[in-house]
Amino acid sequence: MSKCVSHKCISRPSPVVCILSSAFLCTCALVLLFAAGCESSSRLTPAEQIRALRQEKRQLQNQLEQSKSQNQQLKKQVQVISGLPEDKFESLYELKKIKLTRYTNLYDKDKDGRKEKLIVYIQPIDTENDKIKAGGAVDVQLWDLNKKGDEALLGEWHVGPDELKKLWFDTFLFINYRLAFDVADIVESFDEPLTVKVTFTDYLSGKVFKEQKVIKPR
């Protein structure tokens, strides 16, 4: 089994900028709500307009209080973030590599004599050699390197971060992501070794890790 690790940085906006942008959006939302209320009130009778304006006033007062509370919280977050070291995010964890465990293979889940499921077990490993639930996206490819040209790539799949975080297994025996794919239509027979290639994009650092594994019939 050969292993290839590459790195690619992805620029992200500063957390302070994101927080200040959130405060600005809250203020804009209040202005738009007030403008919409004024437009709709022009179609009401004077008495109805008064009742509607009083109700809108109460709503705006409540939202203003909520905004003040949120702004105070955002200010505290800015102070905390500004005081942290520049490498604060990298210090949460530093992903060193990914590993495809020996259980990565094709399986016969419905017991019909044909292996129709590709199950890939991925372990993200940090610089302390601990297995960690690193957030990110995964691309998986299944290859038959005995074939030539376009026929060699049998199938490929993408798993986004929202789906990936649900696939984490942390038990007494297993600590890994477990990804399952249907290959019934693309693998007619599993008589020769196939190759699984995985690309893991770490969303914290922006780094990309690649690993591959030859799977053999059992």
Protein backbone atom coordinates (compact mmCIF):
# COMPACT_ATOMS: atom_id res chain seq x y z
CA MET A 1 0.00 0.00 0.00
CA SER A 2 1.39 3.39 -0.95
CA LYS A 3 0.55 6.63 0.80
CA CYS A 4 0.52 10.15 -0.53
CA VAL A 5 0.05 13.22 1.66
CA SER A 6 -0.32 16.68 0.18
CA HIS A 7 -1.18 20.04 1.68
CA LYS A 8 -3.30 22.93 0.35
CA CYS A 9 -4.22 26.04 2.32
CA ILE A 10 -7.67 27.57 2.10
CA SER A 11 -8.04 31.17 3.23
CA ARG A 12 -10.84 31.88 5.67
CA PRO A 13 -12.27 35.16 6.94
CA SER A 14 -11.13 36.36 10.38
CA PRO A 15 -13.50 35.32 13.22
CA VAL A 16 -13.59 38.98 14.32
CA VAL A 17 -14.81 40.01 10.86
CA CYS A 18 -17.48 37.30 10.95
CA ILE A 19 -18.73 38.46 14.36
CA LEU A 20 -18.92 42.13 13.34
CA SER A 21 -20.70 41.14 10.12
CA SER A 22 -23.32 39.29 12.17
CA ALA A 23 -24.00 42.43 14.23
CA PHE A 24 -24.38 44.50 11.05
CA LEU A 25 -26.84 41.99 9.55
CA CYS A 26 -28.99 42.11 12.71
CA THR A 27 -29.25 45.90 12.42
CA CYS A 28 -30.18 45.69 8.73
CA ALA A 29 -32.90 43.15 9.51
CA LEU A 30 -34.54 45.55 12.00
CA VAL A 31 -34.52 48.37 9.44
CA LEU A 32 -36.10 46.18 6.76
CA LEU A 33 -38.78 44.96 9.18
CA PHE A 34 -39.72 48.53 10.10
CA ALA A 35 -39.88 49.56 6.43
CA ALA A 36 -42.11 46.59 5.57
CA GLY A 37 -44.44 47.46 8.45
CA CYS A 38 -44.80 51.04 7.26
CA GLU A 39 -45.67 49.93 3.75
CA SER A 40 -48.35 47.46 4.91
CA SER A 41 -49.89 49.95 7.37
CA SER A 42 -50.77 52.37 4.55
CA ARG A 43 -53.57 50.00 3.49
CA LEU A 44 -55.27 50.00 6.93
CA THR A 45 -57.81 52.35 8.53
CA PRO A 46 -56.44 54.92 11.03
CA ALA A 47 -57.54 52.85 14.01
CA GLU A 48 -56.04 49.70 12.52
CA GLN A 49 -52.84 51.57 11.73
CA ILE A 50 -52.53 52.68 15.37
CA ARG A 51 -53.00 49.11 16.64
CA ALA A 52 -50.56 47.77 14.04
CA LEU A 53 -47.97 50.42 14.88
CA ARG A 54 -48.24 49.71 18.61
CA GLN A 55 -47.75 46.01 17.94
CA GLU A 56 -44.79 46.71 15.68
CA LYS A 57 -43.34 49.01 18.32
CA ARG A 58 -43.51 46.24 20.93
CA GLN A 59 -41.92 43.79 18.48
CA LEU A 60 -39.15 46.24 17.61
CA GLN A 61 -38.50 46.95 21.28
CA ASN A 62 -38.19 43.23 21.99
CA GLN A 63 -35.89 42.72 19.04
CA LEU A 64 -33.83 45.75 20.02
CA GLU A 65 -33.34 44.31 23.50
CA GLN A 66 -32.31 40.99 21.97
CA SER A 67 -29.89 42.78 19.64
CA LYS A 68 -28.35 44.68 22.56
CA SER A 69 -27.85 41.42 24.41
CA GLN A 70 -26.35 39.77 21.32
CA ASN A 71 -24.05 42.73 20.72
CA GLN A 72 -22.76 42.53 24.29
CA GLN A 73 -22.05 38.84 23.79
CA LEU A 74 -20.34 39.53 20.46
CA LYS A 75 -18.14 42.19 22.06
CA LYS A 76 -17.05 39.69 24.70
CA GLN A 77 -16.25 37.16 21.97
CA VAL A 78 -14.19 39.74 20.08
CA GLN A 79 -12.22 40.51 23.24
CA VAL A 80 -11.55 36.83 23.89
CA ILE A 81 -10.57 36.04 20.30
CA SER A 82 -8.34 39.13 20.03
CA GLY A 83 -6.42 37.99 23.09
CA LEU A 84 -5.70 34.50 21.81
CA PRO A 85 -2.41 33.65 20.04
CA GLU A 86 -2.27 33.73 16.25
CA ASP A 87 -2.13 29.93 16.00
CA LYS A 88 -5.20 29.51 18.24
CA PHE A 89 -7.13 27.41 15.73
CA GLU A 90 -4.24 25.16 14.80
CA SER A 91 -3.67 24.51 18.51
CA LEU A 92 -7.09 22.84 18.79
CA TYR A 93 -5.64 19.90 16.87
CA GLU A 94 -3.18 19.41 14.06
CA LEU A 95 -4.06 16.64 11.66
CA LYS A 96 -0.99 14.69 10.57
CA LYS A 97 -2.43 11.97 8.35
CA ILE A 98 -5.37 9.71 7.64
CA LYS A 99 -5.38 5.94 7.75
CA LEU A 100 -7.60 3.40 6.00
CA THR A 101 -8.03 0.50 8.38
CA ARG A 102 -7.74 -3.16 7.44
CA TYR A 103 -11.52 -3.50 7.56
CA THR A 104 -11.89 -1.36 4.42
CA ASN A 105 -13.24 -3.80 1.83
CA LEU A 106 -16.27 -5.06 -0.09
CA TYR A 107 -18.98 -6.81 1.92
CA ASP A 108 -22.01 -8.99 1.27
CA LYS A 109 -24.54 -7.27 3.55
CA ASP A 110 -27.68 -8.98 2.27
CA LYS A 111 -26.12 -12.48 2.32
CA ASP A 112 -26.95 -13.23 -1.32
CA GLY A 113 -23.43 -14.36 -2.21
CA ARG A 114 -22.46 -11.11 -3.92
CA LYS A 115 -20.44 -8.34 -2.29
CA GLU A 116 -22.45 -5.22 -3.07
CA LYS A 117 -21.21 -2.76 -0.39
CA LEU A 118 -17.93 -0.90 -0.26
CA ILE A 119 -17.23 0.09 3.34
CA VAL A 120 -14.37 2.50 3.99
CA TYR A 121 -12.98 2.98 7.50
CA ILE A 122 -11.06 6.25 7.89
CA GLN A 123 -9.01 7.26 10.92
CA PRO A 124 -7.85 10.91 11.10
CA ILE A 125 -4.66 10.98 13.21
CA ASP A 126 -3.10 14.05 14.84
CA THR A 127 0.52 14.86 15.67
CA GLU A 128 0.20 12.99 18.97
CA ASN A 129 -0.84 9.85 17.04
CA ASP A 130 -4.35 10.06 18.52
CA LYS A 131 -7.44 9.28 16.48
CA ILE A 132 -9.61 12.40 16.33
CA LYS A 133 -12.99 13.37 14.89
CA ALA A 134 -11.58 15.92 12.46
CA GLY A 135 -14.26 17.81 10.55
CA GLY A 136 -14.09 17.98 6.80
CA ALA A 137 -15.11 16.47 3.49
CA VAL A 138 -14.16 13.14 1.94
CA ASP A 139 -13.85 12.01 -1.67
CA VAL A 140 -13.66 8.27 -2.32
CA GLN A 141 -12.70 6.48 -5.54
CA LEU A 142 -12.75 2.78 -6.38
CA TRP A 143 -10.27 1.65 -9.04
CA ASP A 144 -9.55 -1.54 -10.96
CA LEU A 145 -5.96 -0.92 -12.00
CA ASN A 146 -5.98 -4.04 -14.18
CA LYS A 147 -8.23 -2.17 -16.61
CA LYS A 148 -7.04 0.54 -18.97
CA GLY A 149 -8.15 4.09 -19.63
CA ASP A 150 -11.53 5.30 -18.44
CA GLU A 151 -12.57 1.76 -17.48
CA ALA A 152 -10.13 1.72 -14.56
CA LEU A 153 -12.19 4.12 -12.43
CA LEU A 154 -15.19 2.11 -11.28
CA GLY A 155 -16.90 4.70 -9.08
CA GLU A 156 -16.43 7.85 -7.03
CA TRP A 157 -18.37 9.49 -4.20
CA HIS A 158 -18.31 12.72 -2.21
CA VAL A 159 -19.27 13.03 1.47
CA GLY A 160 -19.76 16.56 2.78
CA PRO A 161 -19.03 17.71 6.34
CA ASP A 162 -22.67 17.63 7.52
CA GLU A 163 -23.03 14.00 6.49
CA LEU A 164 -19.52 12.99 7.55
CA LYS A 165 -19.94 14.03 11.19
CA LYS A 166 -22.85 11.57 11.49
CA LEU A 167 -20.63 8.67 10.37
CA TRP A 168 -18.21 8.74 13.31
CA PHE A 169 -17.93 5.52 15.32
CA ASP A 170 -16.21 5.65 18.70
CA THR A 171 -16.56 2.31 20.45
CA PHE A 172 -14.38 -0.09 22.43
CA LEU A 173 -13.17 -1.73 19.22
CA PHE A 174 -13.51 1.00 16.57
CA ILE A 175 -12.59 4.68 16.46
CA ASN A 176 -13.09 5.91 12.93
CA TYR A 177 -15.39 7.24 10.25
CA ARG A 178 -17.39 4.48 8.57
CA LEU A 179 -18.50 5.23 5.01
CA ALA A 180 -20.67 2.77 3.05
CA PHE A 181 -21.34 2.87 -0.69
CA ASP A 182 -23.47 0.72 -2.98
CA VAL A 183 -21.31 -0.90 -5.68
CA ALA A 184 -23.76 -3.53 -6.90
CA ASP A 185 -24.03 -1.87 -10.31
CA ILE A 186 -20.33 -1.22 -10.84
CA VAL A 187 -18.59 -4.35 -9.51
CA GLU A 188 -19.74 -7.45 -11.33
CA SER A 189 -17.36 -9.81 -9.55
CA PHE A 190 -14.76 -9.35 -6.87
CA ASP A 191 -12.15 -11.86 -7.97
CA GLU A 192 -9.12 -9.59 -8.30
CA PRO A 193 -7.70 -6.88 -6.02
CA LEU A 194 -9.16 -3.37 -6.29
CA THR A 195 -7.80 -0.05 -5.07
CA VAL A 196 -9.57 2.45 -2.81
CA LYS A 197 -8.33 6.05 -2.97
CA VAL A 198 -9.44 8.60 -0.36
CA THR A 199 -8.98 12.37 -0.23
CA PHE A 200 -9.72 14.03 3.11
CA THR A 201 -10.05 17.84 3.27
CA ASP A 202 -9.59 19.10 6.82
CA TYR A 203 -11.90 22.09 7.31
CA LEU A 204 -9.97 23.50 10.27
CA SER A 205 -6.58 23.84 8.57
CA GLY A 206 -7.61 23.62 4.92
CA LYS A 207 -5.05 20.86 4.38
CA VAL A 208 -5.73 17.94 2.06
CA PHE A 209 -4.66 14.39 2.92
CA LYS A 210 -4.64 11.45 0.55
CA GLU A 211 -4.43 7.76 1.22
CA GLN A 212 -5.04 4.58 -0.76
CA LYS A 213 -5.43 0.92 0.00
CA VAL A 214 -5.48 -2.26 -2.05
CA ILE A 215 -8.42 -4.46 -1.07
CA LYS A 216 -8.42 -8.16 -1.83
CA PRO A 217 -11.14 -10.82 -2.01
CA ARG A 218 -11.55 -12.70 1.27
